[in-house]
Amino acid sequence: MAMDSTINDDDGWFYDMSRTTCCYEKSAHAFPTAQPSTQMFALARPLVARVTRQNISRSHLARSRVDRASSIHDLSAAESDAAAPFIVVRRARDAVVPALTDIFLSLGASSVSASDADAGSAREVEIFAEDDEKFKRDARAWERTEVWASCDVVAYFETHDVAREAVRSAKEILKEDFDVEYASSKANDWVEVVKASFKVMRISETLDIVPSWVVEERAGAVNVRIEPGIAFGTGEHATTRLCLRWIERALERKGAELVVDFGCGSGVLAIAALMLGAKRAVGVDLAKQAVESSMNNAKLNGVQDRLTVFCGDGTDETTPGANGQADIVVANILIDTVLGLEELFARYVKRGGRVALSGILFGNQSDQVVKKYSKHFTDINVESDDGWACVSGIRNDVNA
């Protein structure tokens, strides 16, 4: 489930939400970690900083700005023992977190991540972005960006001196005092931390999602190997698990000539379908990195010859399955997108074929989907896991 997170500001600054402050994962559910070096840090390598346009003087930032080219850590040095200095700003207020992030990036940080300071406690709150357009609008203006009430902000700098100057400037600009901790880690620690954060995910008694670097495989199970990255779909989230279990059951009951995965992300659903018996699969995604990720993961599992991935929205009638040839359409995306694509999915799925929809919350959202899809699908079923839902149905004879 992927959305286009690249934003071009009006003044020409390039801003990639997937590489800077990540308050949402691609699935639009809150990133639930409080560790200083986690998946966020692996994704948080900004191409170029975006200077906050409102309430912060560019000339003020220019006085302290360091050379971006020299400040970004060299990933090729990951095997060295060099120290990687970082700071942790504890319990920063939500009102200042977006601006604080921009300031750190503008003053030399190679990466910045924000996580819920109350994660793991009774005060932990999940944040959802259900509307793609709202997500993009909010990404353009930091004062509209929704974050947790209190955030731990982690920023990596070339040296602690550079970090101290950035903190000093942030305090002056924002008129705010901060509780700041200074620390260092080995330059290659983030690689190991990221790897340690991904475990083999047991989806069912006979299906596992296995990180690419894990050697062991469970005997007798279908082991789908995935290289975790920017594209969504590692099996960790409940929506992915729901879709995978549904696919496994669907293919056990009745095979499939063609499975189409909308919002394919890492390609995990399409790849799993192929490994579970589907003859062909098609992935569709708006993000180029999802197309690349899907094909790379297909190669890991030896199914690249049976998977085709398209970068687009699926409305092109030349897309395989677009004219009612799909036995199965699965979409693990967002609620508004799921609702908006009902007729398109009805055109893809052949009579008697099946659809499975997730990325939606159990309750009000799943009820909306059931109502919307009742026109072209029958035998609609709703399953839930950890507050999320998967809605499935069988294509009827009503023309779309």
Protein backbone atom coordinates (compact mmCIF):
# COMPACT_ATOMS: atom_id res chain seq x y z
CA MET A 1 0.00 0.00 0.00
CA ALA A 2 1.89 3.00 -1.19
CA MET A 3 1.16 6.63 -1.77
CA ASP A 4 3.19 9.24 -3.63
CA SER A 5 4.98 11.14 -0.85
CA THR A 6 7.16 13.41 -3.01
CA ILE A 7 6.24 17.08 -2.68
CA ASN A 8 7.55 19.99 -4.73
CA ASP A 9 7.12 23.25 -2.84
CA ASP A 10 6.10 26.41 -4.67
CA ASP A 11 9.52 27.97 -4.13
CA GLY A 12 11.34 25.06 -5.72
CA TRP A 13 12.51 23.17 -2.66
CA PHE A 14 12.37 19.39 -3.02
CA TYR A 15 10.77 17.60 -0.08
CA ASP A 16 10.51 13.84 0.20
CA MET A 17 8.30 12.80 3.12
CA SER A 18 9.60 9.24 2.93
CA ARG A 19 13.14 10.46 3.64
CA THR A 20 12.66 13.11 6.30
CA THR A 21 10.38 13.29 9.30
CA CYS A 22 8.11 10.26 9.08
CA CYS A 23 5.01 10.58 11.25
CA TYR A 24 3.15 8.06 9.13
CA GLU A 25 4.17 4.79 7.57
CA LYS A 26 2.94 4.17 4.02
CA SER A 27 -0.04 2.41 5.43
CA ALA A 28 -1.03 5.67 7.13
CA HIS A 29 -0.88 4.17 10.63
CA ALA A 30 1.28 5.77 13.26
CA PHE A 31 4.86 4.54 13.49
CA PRO A 32 4.80 2.86 16.91
CA THR A 33 8.45 2.89 17.91
CA ALA A 34 10.28 4.88 20.54
CA GLN A 35 13.79 3.66 19.74
CA PRO A 36 16.30 6.26 18.52
CA SER A 37 17.60 4.15 15.63
CA THR A 38 14.87 2.13 13.95
CA GLN A 39 13.22 1.70 10.58
CA MET A 40 12.71 5.47 10.43
CA PHE A 41 16.43 6.12 10.52
CA ALA A 42 16.96 3.71 7.66
CA LEU A 43 14.53 5.74 5.56
CA ALA A 44 15.53 9.16 6.83
CA ARG A 45 18.33 10.20 4.50
CA PRO A 46 17.15 13.51 3.05
CA LEU A 47 18.18 14.42 -0.48
CA VAL A 48 18.05 18.10 0.35
CA ALA A 49 16.63 20.11 3.22
CA ARG A 50 13.46 22.11 2.95
CA VAL A 51 13.65 25.45 4.76
CA THR A 52 10.48 26.32 6.61
CA ARG A 53 8.93 29.18 4.73
CA GLN A 54 6.72 30.60 7.44
CA ASN A 55 7.77 32.13 10.77
CA ILE A 56 11.48 31.35 10.23
CA SER A 57 13.88 33.74 8.61
CA ARG A 58 15.99 32.24 5.83
CA SER A 59 18.77 34.69 6.63
CA HIS A 60 18.83 33.43 10.22
CA LEU A 61 19.22 29.87 9.01
CA ALA A 62 21.85 30.87 6.47
CA ARG A 63 24.14 32.20 9.20
CA SER A 64 24.51 28.73 10.72
CA ARG A 65 23.99 26.47 7.73
CA VAL A 66 26.71 23.92 7.08
CA ASP A 67 27.65 22.43 3.73
CA ARG A 68 25.00 19.77 3.05
CA ALA A 69 27.33 17.70 0.91
CA SER A 70 29.84 17.34 3.71
CA SER A 71 27.29 16.81 6.46
CA ILE A 72 25.40 13.84 5.04
CA HIS A 73 26.89 10.64 6.36
CA ASP A 74 28.44 8.35 3.77
CA LEU A 75 26.46 5.10 3.72
CA SER A 76 29.45 3.35 2.20
CA ALA A 77 31.16 3.77 5.56
CA ALA A 78 28.61 1.49 7.22
CA GLU A 79 31.24 -1.14 7.94
CA SER A 80 33.56 1.25 9.76
CA ASP A 81 33.81 1.80 13.51
CA ALA A 82 33.52 5.59 13.17
CA ALA A 83 31.20 7.27 15.65
CA ALA A 84 27.84 8.52 14.41
CA PRO A 85 26.85 11.42 16.69
CA PHE A 86 23.17 11.94 17.35
CA ILE A 87 20.90 13.86 19.69
CA VAL A 88 17.55 13.04 21.23
CA VAL A 89 15.16 15.88 22.01
CA ARG A 90 12.87 14.46 24.68
CA ARG A 91 9.14 15.19 24.75
CA ALA A 92 9.08 18.04 22.24
CA ARG A 93 5.66 19.64 21.94
CA ASP A 94 3.63 18.75 18.86
CA ALA A 95 3.33 22.43 17.88
CA VAL A 96 7.08 22.78 17.37
CA VAL A 97 8.08 19.33 16.05
CA PRO A 98 7.63 20.02 12.29
CA ALA A 99 9.56 23.30 12.48
CA LEU A 100 12.22 21.75 14.72
CA THR A 101 12.71 19.01 12.16
CA ASP A 102 13.11 21.50 9.32
CA ILE A 103 15.59 23.53 11.34
CA PHE A 104 17.75 20.49 12.13
CA LEU A 105 17.74 19.37 8.48
CA SER A 106 18.62 22.88 7.33
CA LEU A 107 21.48 23.14 9.82
CA GLY A 108 23.30 19.94 9.02
CA ALA A 109 21.32 16.93 10.22
CA SER A 110 21.72 13.93 7.95
CA SER A 111 18.48 12.44 9.25
CA VAL A 112 15.65 13.31 11.61
CA SER A 113 12.90 11.08 12.98
CA ALA A 114 9.99 11.78 15.30
CA SER A 115 8.30 9.11 17.40
CA ASP A 116 5.59 9.07 20.04
CA ALA A 117 7.19 9.89 23.40
CA ASP A 118 4.34 7.98 25.06
CA ALA A 119 4.71 4.83 22.95
CA GLY A 120 4.18 1.72 25.02
CA SER A 121 2.31 3.56 27.74
CA ALA A 122 -1.38 4.08 28.44
CA ARG A 123 -1.07 7.54 26.84
CA GLU A 124 0.03 6.18 23.44
CA VAL A 125 -2.15 7.52 20.62
CA GLU A 126 -2.27 6.31 17.02
CA ILE A 127 -2.46 8.87 14.24
CA PHE A 128 -4.17 8.04 10.96
CA ALA A 129 -4.07 9.72 7.54
CA GLU A 130 -7.04 8.40 5.65
CA ASP A 131 -7.07 10.98 2.86
CA ASP A 132 -4.23 11.06 0.31
CA GLU A 133 -4.89 14.68 -0.62
CA LYS A 134 -5.01 15.81 3.01
CA PHE A 135 -1.71 13.99 3.60
CA LYS A 136 -0.11 15.89 0.71
CA ARG A 137 -1.60 19.23 1.75
CA ASP A 138 -0.39 18.78 5.30
CA ALA A 139 3.07 17.79 4.09
CA ARG A 140 3.42 21.15 2.35
CA ALA A 141 2.82 23.18 5.49
CA TRP A 142 4.45 22.22 8.75
CA GLU A 143 1.89 24.05 10.85
CA ARG A 144 -0.76 21.58 9.60
CA THR A 145 1.32 18.45 10.05
CA GLU A 146 -0.26 16.19 12.67
CA VAL A 147 2.13 14.59 15.12
CA TRP A 148 1.84 13.12 18.59
CA ALA A 149 1.26 15.47 21.54
CA SER A 150 4.79 14.77 22.82
CA CYS A 151 7.53 13.53 20.52
CA ASP A 152 11.04 12.22 20.93
CA VAL A 153 12.99 13.75 18.05
CA VAL A 154 16.22 12.03 16.99
CA ALA A 155 18.68 13.82 14.73
CA TYR A 156 22.03 12.60 13.42
CA PHE A 157 24.82 15.13 12.80
CA GLU A 158 28.40 14.96 11.58
CA THR A 159 29.68 16.18 14.98
CA HIS A 160 28.20 17.11 18.32
CA ASP A 161 29.48 20.67 17.80
CA VAL A 162 27.28 20.96 14.73
CA ALA A 163 24.41 19.49 16.74
CA ARG A 164 24.89 21.97 19.57
CA GLU A 165 24.81 24.88 17.13
CA ALA A 166 21.63 23.51 15.59
CA VAL A 167 20.01 23.15 19.01
CA ARG A 168 21.09 26.68 19.96
CA SER A 169 19.57 28.07 16.77
CA ALA A 170 16.38 26.06 17.23
CA LYS A 171 15.93 27.44 20.74
CA GLU A 172 16.45 30.98 19.50
CA ILE A 173 14.14 30.63 16.49
CA LEU A 174 11.32 28.80 18.26
CA LYS A 175 11.67 30.57 21.62
CA GLU A 176 11.53 27.14 23.21
CA ASP A 177 13.74 25.27 25.64
CA PHE A 178 14.47 21.60 24.97
CA ASP A 179 15.61 18.59 26.97
CA VAL A 180 18.46 17.35 24.77
CA GLU A 181 20.61 14.24 25.14
CA TYR A 182 23.89 13.83 23.20
CA ALA A 183 25.10 10.37 22.25
CA SER A 184 27.02 8.43 19.62
CA SER A 185 26.68 5.06 17.97
CA LYS A 186 28.86 3.11 15.61
CA ALA A 187 28.31 4.14 12.02
CA ASN A 188 27.07 0.67 11.16
CA ASP A 189 24.76 0.32 14.17
CA TRP A 190 21.74 1.56 12.23
CA VAL A 191 22.08 -1.29 9.75
CA GLU A 192 22.01 -3.88 12.52
CA VAL A 193 19.20 -2.09 14.35
CA VAL A 194 17.05 -2.06 11.24
CA LYS A 195 17.74 -5.73 10.63
CA ALA A 196 16.98 -6.58 14.24
CA SER A 197 13.63 -4.78 13.98
CA PHE A 198 12.41 -7.11 11.24
CA LYS A 199 11.64 -10.66 12.31
CA VAL A 200 10.27 -13.66 10.47
CA MET A 201 6.52 -13.11 10.40
CA ARG A 202 4.43 -16.27 10.79
CA ILE A 203 1.27 -15.47 8.86
CA SER A 204 -0.30 -18.90 9.20
CA GLU A 205 0.65 -22.49 9.89
CA THR A 206 1.98 -22.78 6.35
CA LEU A 207 3.05 -19.24 5.37
CA ASP A 208 5.96 -17.08 6.59
CA ILE A 209 7.32 -13.69 5.50
CA VAL A 210 11.11 -13.85 5.81
CA PRO A 211 13.55 -10.89 5.72
CA SER A 212 16.04 -11.40 2.90
CA TRP A 213 19.05 -11.71 5.22
CA VAL A 214 17.59 -14.49 7.38
CA VAL A 215 19.12 -17.84 6.43
CA GLU A 216 16.80 -20.24 8.21
CA GLU A 217 13.47 -21.20 6.68
CA ARG A 218 10.64 -23.13 8.25
CA ALA A 219 10.38 -26.59 6.73
CA GLY A 220 7.02 -27.35 5.20
CA ALA A 221 5.99 -23.69 4.97
CA VAL A 222 5.86 -21.28 2.04
CA ASN A 223 8.64 -18.80 2.82
CA VAL A 224 8.20 -15.47 1.05
CA ARG A 225 11.45 -13.48 1.15
CA ILE A 226 11.16 -9.71 1.34
CA GLU A 227 13.76 -6.94 1.38
CA PRO A 228 12.21 -4.36 3.75
CA GLY A 229 12.43 -0.84 2.42
CA ILE A 230 10.40 2.27 1.69
CA ALA A 231 7.58 0.36 0.00
CA PHE A 232 4.92 -0.92 2.39
CA GLY A 233 4.45 -4.62 2.94
CA THR A 234 6.63 -6.65 5.29
CA GLY A 235 3.90 -8.68 6.96
CA GLU A 236 4.21 -6.75 10.22
CA HIS A 237 1.00 -4.78 9.83
CA ALA A 238 -2.38 -6.35 10.48
CA THR A 239 -3.73 -5.33 7.06
CA THR A 240 -0.96 -7.25 5.28
CA ARG A 241 -1.54 -10.30 7.47
CA LEU A 242 -5.28 -10.19 6.79
CA CYS A 243 -4.74 -10.04 3.03
CA LEU A 244 -2.14 -12.82 3.04
CA ARG A 245 -4.37 -15.16 5.04
CA TRP A 246 -7.29 -14.41 2.75
CA ILE A 247 -5.17 -15.09 -0.36
CA GLU A 248 -3.96 -18.38 1.09
CA ARG A 249 -7.50 -19.57 1.81
CA ALA A 250 -8.85 -18.33 -1.52
CA LEU A 251 -6.20 -20.17 -3.51
CA GLU A 252 -6.71 -23.34 -1.48
CA ARG A 253 -10.42 -23.33 -2.35
CA LYS A 254 -9.99 -22.38 -5.98
CA GLY A 255 -6.84 -21.61 -7.96
CA ALA A 256 -6.31 -18.45 -9.99
CA GLU A 257 -5.01 -17.74 -13.46
CA LEU A 258 -4.51 -14.04 -12.72
CA VAL A 259 -4.19 -12.09 -9.46
CA VAL A 260 -4.05 -8.28 -9.55
CA ASP A 261 -2.55 -6.42 -6.56
CA PHE A 262 -3.50 -2.74 -6.42
CA GLY A 263 -1.12 -0.58 -4.38
CA CYS A 264 1.37 -3.44 -4.46
CA GLY A 265 4.09 -1.74 -2.38
CA SER A 266 6.77 -4.36 -1.74
CA GLY A 267 4.87 -6.85 -3.93
CA VAL A 268 4.39 -9.19 -0.99
CA LEU A 269 0.74 -10.01 -1.77
CA ALA A 270 1.30 -10.71 -5.46
CA ILE A 271 4.47 -12.71 -4.77
CA ALA A 272 2.76 -14.74 -2.05
CA ALA A 273 -0.14 -15.45 -4.42
CA LEU A 274 2.29 -16.80 -7.01
CA MET A 275 4.08 -18.96 -4.47
CA LEU A 276 0.72 -20.26 -3.22
CA GLY A 277 -0.38 -21.42 -6.65
CA ALA A 278 -1.56 -18.47 -8.80
CA LYS A 279 -0.26 -18.76 -12.37
CA ARG A 280 0.25 -15.03 -13.05
CA ALA A 281 0.17 -11.82 -11.03
CA VAL A 282 0.07 -8.13 -11.83
CA GLY A 283 1.09 -5.36 -9.45
CA VAL A 284 -0.12 -1.77 -9.83
CA ASP A 285 1.29 1.17 -7.87
CA LEU A 286 1.70 4.92 -8.27
CA ALA A 287 5.17 4.92 -6.70
CA LYS A 288 8.22 4.06 -8.81
CA GLN A 289 10.04 2.73 -5.75
CA ALA A 290 7.20 0.25 -5.22
CA VAL A 291 7.58 -1.05 -8.78
CA GLU A 292 11.32 -1.51 -8.24
CA SER A 293 10.81 -3.07 -4.81
CA SER A 294 8.22 -5.51 -6.12
CA MET A 295 10.43 -6.74 -8.94
CA ASN A 296 13.48 -7.04 -6.69
CA ASN A 297 11.47 -9.09 -4.21
CA ALA A 298 10.08 -11.22 -7.02
CA LYS A 299 13.65 -12.08 -8.02
CA LEU A 300 14.43 -13.06 -4.43
CA ASN A 301 11.66 -15.63 -4.66
CA GLY A 302 12.26 -16.77 -8.24
CA VAL A 303 8.85 -15.62 -9.54
CA GLN A 304 9.95 -12.61 -11.60
CA ASP A 305 8.90 -14.28 -14.85
CA ARG A 306 5.30 -14.55 -13.65
CA LEU A 307 4.95 -11.06 -12.13
CA THR A 308 4.37 -7.86 -14.10
CA VAL A 309 4.32 -4.52 -12.29
CA PHE A 310 2.88 -1.28 -13.68
CA CYS A 311 3.51 2.25 -12.44
CA GLY A 312 0.11 3.90 -12.69
CA ASP A 313 -3.43 3.94 -11.34
CA GLY A 314 -4.73 0.88 -13.19
CA THR A 315 -7.13 2.79 -15.45
CA ASP A 316 -5.14 1.94 -18.59
CA GLU A 317 -7.23 -0.67 -20.38
CA THR A 318 -4.09 -2.41 -21.63
CA THR A 319 -3.23 -3.43 -18.06
CA PRO A 320 -3.65 -7.22 -17.76
CA GLY A 321 -6.99 -7.93 -16.10
CA ALA A 322 -8.47 -4.52 -16.86
CA ASN A 323 -11.27 -5.98 -18.98
CA GLY A 324 -12.65 -8.55 -16.59
CA GLN A 325 -9.95 -11.21 -16.73
CA ALA A 326 -8.82 -11.13 -13.09
CA ASP A 327 -9.71 -14.08 -10.89
CA ILE A 328 -8.66 -12.11 -7.81
CA VAL A 329 -8.15 -8.41 -7.11
CA VAL A 330 -6.56 -7.54 -3.78
CA ALA A 331 -6.02 -3.98 -2.56
CA ASN A 332 -4.36 -3.04 0.72
CA ILE A 333 -4.65 0.73 0.45
CA LEU A 334 -6.58 3.58 2.09
CA ILE A 335 -10.29 3.91 2.82
CA ASP A 336 -11.03 6.79 0.41
CA THR A 337 -9.13 5.06 -2.38
CA VAL A 338 -10.89 1.75 -1.72
CA LEU A 339 -14.29 3.48 -1.93
CA GLY A 340 -13.34 5.40 -5.06
CA LEU A 341 -12.12 2.35 -6.96
CA GLU A 342 -15.20 0.15 -6.61
CA GLU A 343 -16.27 0.40 -10.25
CA LEU A 344 -12.72 -0.03 -11.52
CA PHE A 345 -12.29 -3.19 -9.45
CA ALA A 346 -15.67 -4.44 -10.67
CA ARG A 347 -14.38 -4.05 -14.24
CA TYR A 348 -11.24 -6.03 -13.41
CA VAL A 349 -12.81 -8.98 -11.62
CA LYS A 350 -14.44 -11.64 -13.80
CA ARG A 351 -17.89 -12.99 -12.96
CA GLY A 352 -17.45 -15.31 -10.01
CA GLY A 353 -14.04 -13.82 -9.27
CA ARG A 354 -13.14 -12.41 -5.90
CA VAL A 355 -12.02 -9.12 -4.36
CA ALA A 356 -10.27 -8.53 -1.02
CA LEU A 357 -9.89 -5.04 0.40
CA SER A 358 -7.89 -3.84 3.40
CA GLY A 359 -6.11 -0.79 4.75
CA ILE A 360 -9.42 0.03 6.42
CA LEU A 361 -10.45 0.14 10.05
CA PHE A 362 -12.94 -2.35 11.45
CA GLY A 363 -16.28 -0.76 12.21
CA ASN A 364 -17.43 2.42 10.50
CA GLN A 365 -14.91 2.17 7.66
CA SER A 366 -15.53 -1.50 6.94
CA ASP A 367 -19.29 -0.81 7.01
CA GLN A 368 -18.81 1.89 4.37
CA VAL A 369 -16.90 -0.55 2.17
CA VAL A 370 -19.53 -3.26 2.53
CA LYS A 371 -22.24 -0.81 1.50
CA LYS A 372 -20.25 0.55 -1.44
CA TYR A 373 -19.24 -2.86 -2.84
CA SER A 374 -22.66 -4.48 -2.49
CA LYS A 375 -23.61 -3.25 -5.96
CA HIS A 376 -21.18 -5.48 -7.85
CA PHE A 377 -20.19 -8.09 -5.24
CA THR A 378 -22.11 -10.65 -3.22
CA ASP A 379 -21.31 -12.94 -0.27
CA ILE A 380 -19.45 -10.05 1.33
CA ASN A 381 -17.44 -11.03 4.39
CA VAL A 382 -15.55 -8.94 6.95
CA GLU A 383 -12.59 -10.20 8.97
CA SER A 384 -10.68 -8.19 11.57
CA ASP A 385 -7.27 -8.16 13.20
CA ASP A 386 -6.01 -5.65 15.75
CA GLY A 387 -8.69 -3.10 14.85
CA TRP A 388 -8.19 -3.41 11.08
CA ALA A 389 -10.47 -5.11 8.58
CA CYS A 390 -10.40 -7.09 5.37
CA VAL A 391 -13.60 -6.97 3.30
CA SER A 392 -14.03 -9.64 0.62
CA GLY A 393 -16.72 -10.55 -1.86
CA ILE A 394 -17.59 -12.43 -5.07
CA ARG A 395 -18.29 -10.64 -8.35
CA ASN A 396 -21.95 -10.78 -9.39
CA ASP A 397 -23.52 -10.34 -12.84
CA VAL A 398 -24.24 -6.58 -12.61
CA ASN A 399 -22.38 -4.67 -15.32
CA ALA A 400 -19.88 -2.02 -14.23
